[in-house]
Amino acid sequence: MKRDRDIRFRATEQEVELIRQKASQAGYCLSEYMRLLALGYLATETK
């Protein structure tokens, strides 16, 4: 499947770094990690 669309959102510098760290720890690049989270394929933490 060709992925040729962008989805953007705003985040603080600290949020971006935390998301990057979590993606890395999970073994995914940032875009794959965010896509899997958004589609419900990865468990999320509760507040």
PDB file of N, CA and C in Angstrom:
ATOM      1  N   MET A   1       0.846  -1.171   0.000  1.00  0.00           N
ATOM      2  CA  MET A   1       0.000   0.000   0.000  1.00  0.00           C
ATOM      3  C   MET A   1       0.898   1.243   0.000  1.00  0.00           C
ATOM      4  N   LYS A   2       0.609   2.164  -0.879  1.00  0.00           N
ATOM      5  CA  LYS A   2       1.409   3.378  -0.994  1.00  0.00           C
ATOM      6  C   LYS A   2       0.971   4.391   0.063  1.00  0.00           C
ATOM      7  N   ARG A   3       1.899   4.820   0.869  1.00  0.00           N
ATOM      8  CA  ARG A   3       1.608   5.834   1.897  1.00  0.00           C
ATOM      9  C   ARG A   3       2.114   7.173   1.378  1.00  0.00           C
ATOM     10  N   ASP A   4       1.194   7.995   0.903  1.00  0.00           N
ATOM     11  CA  ASP A   4       1.585   9.265   0.313  1.00  0.00           C
ATOM     12  C   ASP A   4       0.855  10.462   0.918  1.00  0.00           C
ATOM     13  N   ARG A   5       0.262  10.286   2.080  1.00  0.00           N
ATOM     14  CA  ARG A   5      -0.451  11.373   2.759  1.00  0.00           C
ATOM     15  C   ARG A   5       0.236  11.702   4.071  1.00  0.00           C
ATOM     16  N   ASP A   6       0.190  12.975   4.456  1.00  0.00           N
ATOM     17  CA  ASP A   6       0.753  13.422   5.723  1.00  0.00           C
ATOM     18  C   ASP A   6      -0.360  13.765   6.693  1.00  0.00           C
ATOM     19  N   ILE A   7      -0.132  13.455   7.957  1.00  0.00           N
ATOM     20  CA  ILE A   7      -0.990  13.914   9.046  1.00  0.00           C
ATOM     21  C   ILE A   7      -0.058  14.618  10.020  1.00  0.00           C
ATOM     22  N   ARG A   8      -0.375  15.851  10.353  1.00  0.00           N
ATOM     23  CA  ARG A   8       0.494  16.626  11.239  1.00  0.00           C
ATOM     24  C   ARG A   8      -0.267  17.045  12.483  1.00  0.00           C
ATOM     25  N   PHE A   9       0.466  17.180  13.575  1.00  0.00           N
ATOM     26  CA  PHE A   9      -0.108  17.726  14.808  1.00  0.00           C
ATOM     27  C   PHE A   9       0.979  18.461  15.564  1.00  0.00           C
ATOM     28  N   ARG A  10       0.565  19.324  16.433  1.00  0.00           N
ATOM     29  CA  ARG A  10       1.519  20.122  17.201  1.00  0.00           C
ATOM     30  C   ARG A  10       1.857  19.433  18.509  1.00  0.00           C
ATOM     31  N   ALA A  11       3.108  19.586  18.920  1.00  0.00           N
ATOM     32  CA  ALA A  11       3.582  19.018  20.185  1.00  0.00           C
ATOM     33  C   ALA A  11       4.733  19.880  20.688  1.00  0.00           C
ATOM     34  N   THR A  12       4.961  19.834  21.984  1.00  0.00           N
ATOM     35  CA  THR A  12       6.097  20.556  22.547  1.00  0.00           C
ATOM     36  C   THR A  12       7.381  19.791  22.230  1.00  0.00           C
ATOM     37  N   GLU A  13       8.498  20.459  22.420  1.00  0.00           N
ATOM     38  CA  GLU A  13       9.786  19.810  22.207  1.00  0.00           C
ATOM     39  C   GLU A  13       9.931  18.583  23.118  1.00  0.00           C
ATOM     40  N   GLN A  14       9.484  18.730  24.354  1.00  0.00           N
ATOM     41  CA  GLN A  14       9.570  17.633  25.315  1.00  0.00           C
ATOM     42  C   GLN A  14       8.672  16.465  24.911  1.00  0.00           C
ATOM     43  N   GLU A  15       7.473  16.763  24.408  1.00  0.00           N
ATOM     44  CA  GLU A  15       6.568  15.704  23.959  1.00  0.00           C
ATOM     45  C   GLU A  15       7.155  14.942  22.776  1.00  0.00           C
ATOM     46  N   VAL A  16       7.737  15.667  21.846  1.00  0.00           N
ATOM     47  CA  VAL A  16       8.341  15.031  20.673  1.00  0.00           C
ATOM     48  C   VAL A  16       9.470  14.098  21.102  1.00  0.00           C
ATOM     49  N   GLU A  17      10.305  14.560  22.017  1.00  0.00           N
ATOM     50  CA  GLU A  17      11.416  13.726  22.480  1.00  0.00           C
ATOM     51  C   GLU A  17      10.897  12.476  23.179  1.00  0.00           C
ATOM     52  N   LEU A  18       9.866  12.619  23.993  1.00  0.00           N
ATOM     53  CA  LEU A  18       9.285  11.463  24.687  1.00  0.00           C
ATOM     54  C   LEU A  18       8.689  10.472  23.690  1.00  0.00           C
ATOM     55  N   ILE A  19       7.996  10.976  22.676  1.00  0.00           N
ATOM     56  CA  ILE A  19       7.408  10.100  21.658  1.00  0.00           C
ATOM     57  C   ILE A  19       8.509   9.381  20.881  1.00  0.00           C
ATOM     58  N   ARG A  20       9.566  10.097  20.533  1.00  0.00           N
ATOM     59  CA  ARG A  20      10.691   9.480  19.823  1.00  0.00           C
ATOM     60  C   ARG A  20      11.329   8.376  20.661  1.00  0.00           C
ATOM     61  N   GLN A  21      11.498   8.624  21.950  1.00  0.00           N
ATOM     62  CA  GLN A  21      12.081   7.622  22.839  1.00  0.00           C
ATOM     63  C   GLN A  21      11.195   6.384  22.913  1.00  0.00           C
ATOM     64  N   LYS A  22       9.890   6.589  23.050  1.00  0.00           N
ATOM     65  CA  LYS A  22       8.966   5.457  23.141  1.00  0.00           C
ATOM     66  C   LYS A  22       8.946   4.657  21.847  1.00  0.00           C
ATOM     67  N   ALA A  23       9.001   5.349  20.719  1.00  0.00           N
ATOM     68  CA  ALA A  23       9.032   4.664  19.428  1.00  0.00           C
ATOM     69  C   ALA A  23      10.289   3.822  19.321  1.00  0.00           C
ATOM     70  N   SER A  24      11.413   4.392  19.700  1.00  0.00           N
ATOM     71  CA  SER A  24      12.682   3.679  19.639  1.00  0.00           C
ATOM     72  C   SER A  24      12.675   2.458  20.556  1.00  0.00           C
ATOM     73  N   GLN A  25      12.179   2.631  21.764  1.00  0.00           N
ATOM     74  CA  GLN A  25      12.119   1.520  22.716  1.00  0.00           C
ATOM     75  C   GLN A  25      11.226   0.394  22.207  1.00  0.00           C
ATOM     76  N   ALA A  26      10.184   0.759  21.462  1.00  0.00           N
ATOM     77  CA  ALA A  26       9.267  -0.240  20.925  1.00  0.00           C
ATOM     78  C   ALA A  26       9.797  -0.865  19.630  1.00  0.00           C
ATOM     79  N   GLY A  27      10.888  -0.297  19.082  1.00  0.00           N
ATOM     80  CA  GLY A  27      11.487  -0.853  17.878  1.00  0.00           C
ATOM     81  C   GLY A  27      10.883  -0.337  16.585  1.00  0.00           C
ATOM     82  N   TYR A  28      10.260   0.841  16.633  1.00  0.00           N
ATOM     83  CA  TYR A  28       9.628   1.422  15.448  1.00  0.00           C
ATOM     84  C   TYR A  28      10.215   2.787  15.138  1.00  0.00           C
ATOM     85  N   CYS A  29      10.130   3.173  13.870  1.00  0.00           N
ATOM     86  CA  CYS A  29      10.434   4.558  13.524  1.00  0.00           C
ATOM     87  C   CYS A  29       9.249   5.398  13.995  1.00  0.00           C
ATOM     88  N   LEU A  30       9.433   6.697  14.060  1.00  0.00           N
ATOM     89  CA  LEU A  30       8.403   7.579  14.599  1.00  0.00           C
ATOM     90  C   LEU A  30       7.077   7.460  13.844  1.00  0.00           C
ATOM     91  N   SER A  31       7.129   7.486  12.521  1.00  0.00           N
ATOM     92  CA  SER A  31       5.879   7.451  11.751  1.00  0.00           C
ATOM     93  C   SER A  31       5.133   6.135  11.929  1.00  0.00           C
ATOM     94  N   GLU A  32       5.858   5.035  11.944  1.00  0.00           N
ATOM     95  CA  GLU A  32       5.202   3.731  12.128  1.00  0.00           C
ATOM     96  C   GLU A  32       4.587   3.627  13.522  1.00  0.00           C
ATOM     97  N   TYR A  33       5.315   4.110  14.519  1.00  0.00           N
ATOM     98  CA  TYR A  33       4.828   4.086  15.902  1.00  0.00           C
ATOM     99  C   TYR A  33       3.534   4.884  16.030  1.00  0.00           C
ATOM    100  N   MET A  34       3.515   6.095  15.485  1.00  0.00           N
ATOM    101  CA  MET A  34       2.320   6.936  15.574  1.00  0.00           C
ATOM    102  C   MET A  34       1.154   6.321  14.803  1.00  0.00           C
ATOM    103  N   ARG A  35       1.425   5.740  13.641  1.00  0.00           N
ATOM    104  CA  ARG A  35       0.377   5.107  12.845  1.00  0.00           C
ATOM    105  C   ARG A  35      -0.236   3.928  13.599  1.00  0.00           C
ATOM    106  N   LEU A  36       0.615   3.082  14.184  1.00  0.00           N
ATOM    107  CA  LEU A  36       0.122   1.924  14.926  1.00  0.00           C
ATOM    108  C   LEU A  36      -0.674   2.330  16.164  1.00  0.00           C
ATOM    109  N   LEU A  37      -0.213   3.373  16.861  1.00  0.00           N
ATOM    110  CA  LEU A  37      -0.964   3.874  18.016  1.00  0.00           C
ATOM    111  C   LEU A  37      -2.332   4.401  17.593  1.00  0.00           C
ATOM    112  N   ALA A  38      -2.333   5.216  16.539  1.00  0.00           N
ATOM    113  CA  ALA A  38      -3.581   5.836  16.077  1.00  0.00           C
ATOM    114  C   ALA A  38      -4.597   4.801  15.607  1.00  0.00           C
ATOM    115  N   LEU A  39      -4.104   3.715  15.028  1.00  0.00           N
ATOM    116  CA  LEU A  39      -5.006   2.676  14.517  1.00  0.00           C
ATOM    117  C   LEU A  39      -5.381   1.643  15.585  1.00  0.00           C
ATOM    118  N   GLY A  40      -4.831   1.797  16.785  1.00  0.00           N
ATOM    119  CA  GLY A  40      -5.191   0.925  17.894  1.00  0.00           C
ATOM    120  C   GLY A  40      -4.456  -0.396  17.941  1.00  0.00           C
ATOM    121  N   TYR A  41      -3.337  -0.502  17.208  1.00  0.00           N
ATOM    122  CA  TYR A  41      -2.580  -1.743  17.181  1.00  0.00           C
ATOM    123  C   TYR A  41      -1.572  -1.862  18.322  1.00  0.00           C
ATOM    124  N   LEU A  42      -1.302  -0.747  19.001  1.00  0.00           N
ATOM    125  CA  LEU A  42      -0.394  -0.753  20.144  1.00  0.00           C
ATOM    126  C   LEU A  42      -1.171  -0.318  21.384  1.00  0.00           C
ATOM    127  N   ALA A  43      -0.858  -0.914  22.504  1.00  0.00           N
ATOM    128  CA  ALA A  43      -1.494  -0.513  23.758  1.00  0.00           C
ATOM    129  C   ALA A  43      -0.963   0.849  24.158  1.00  0.00           C
ATOM    130  N   THR A  44      -1.808   1.648  24.765  1.00  0.00           N
ATOM    131  CA  THR A  44      -1.396   2.965  25.241  1.00  0.00           C
ATOM    132  C   THR A  44      -1.421   2.978  26.761  1.00  0.00           C
ATOM    133  N   GLU A  45      -0.662   3.883  27.321  1.00  0.00           N
ATOM    134  CA  GLU A  45      -0.643   4.046  28.772  1.00  0.00           C
ATOM    135  C   GLU A  45      -1.849   4.874  29.201  1.00  0.00           C
ATOM    136  N   THR A  46      -2.308   4.660  30.418  1.00  0.00           N
ATOM    137  CA  THR A  46      -3.361   5.496  30.971  1.00  0.00           C
ATOM    138  C   THR A  46      -2.733   6.568  31.823  1.00  0.00           C
ATOM    139  N   LYS A  47      -3.446   7.650  31.995  1.00  0.00           N
ATOM    140  CA  LYS A  47      -2.918   8.768  32.799  1.00  0.00           C
ATOM    141  C   LYS A  47      -2.867   8.436  34.256  1.00  0.00           C
TER     142      LYS A  47
END
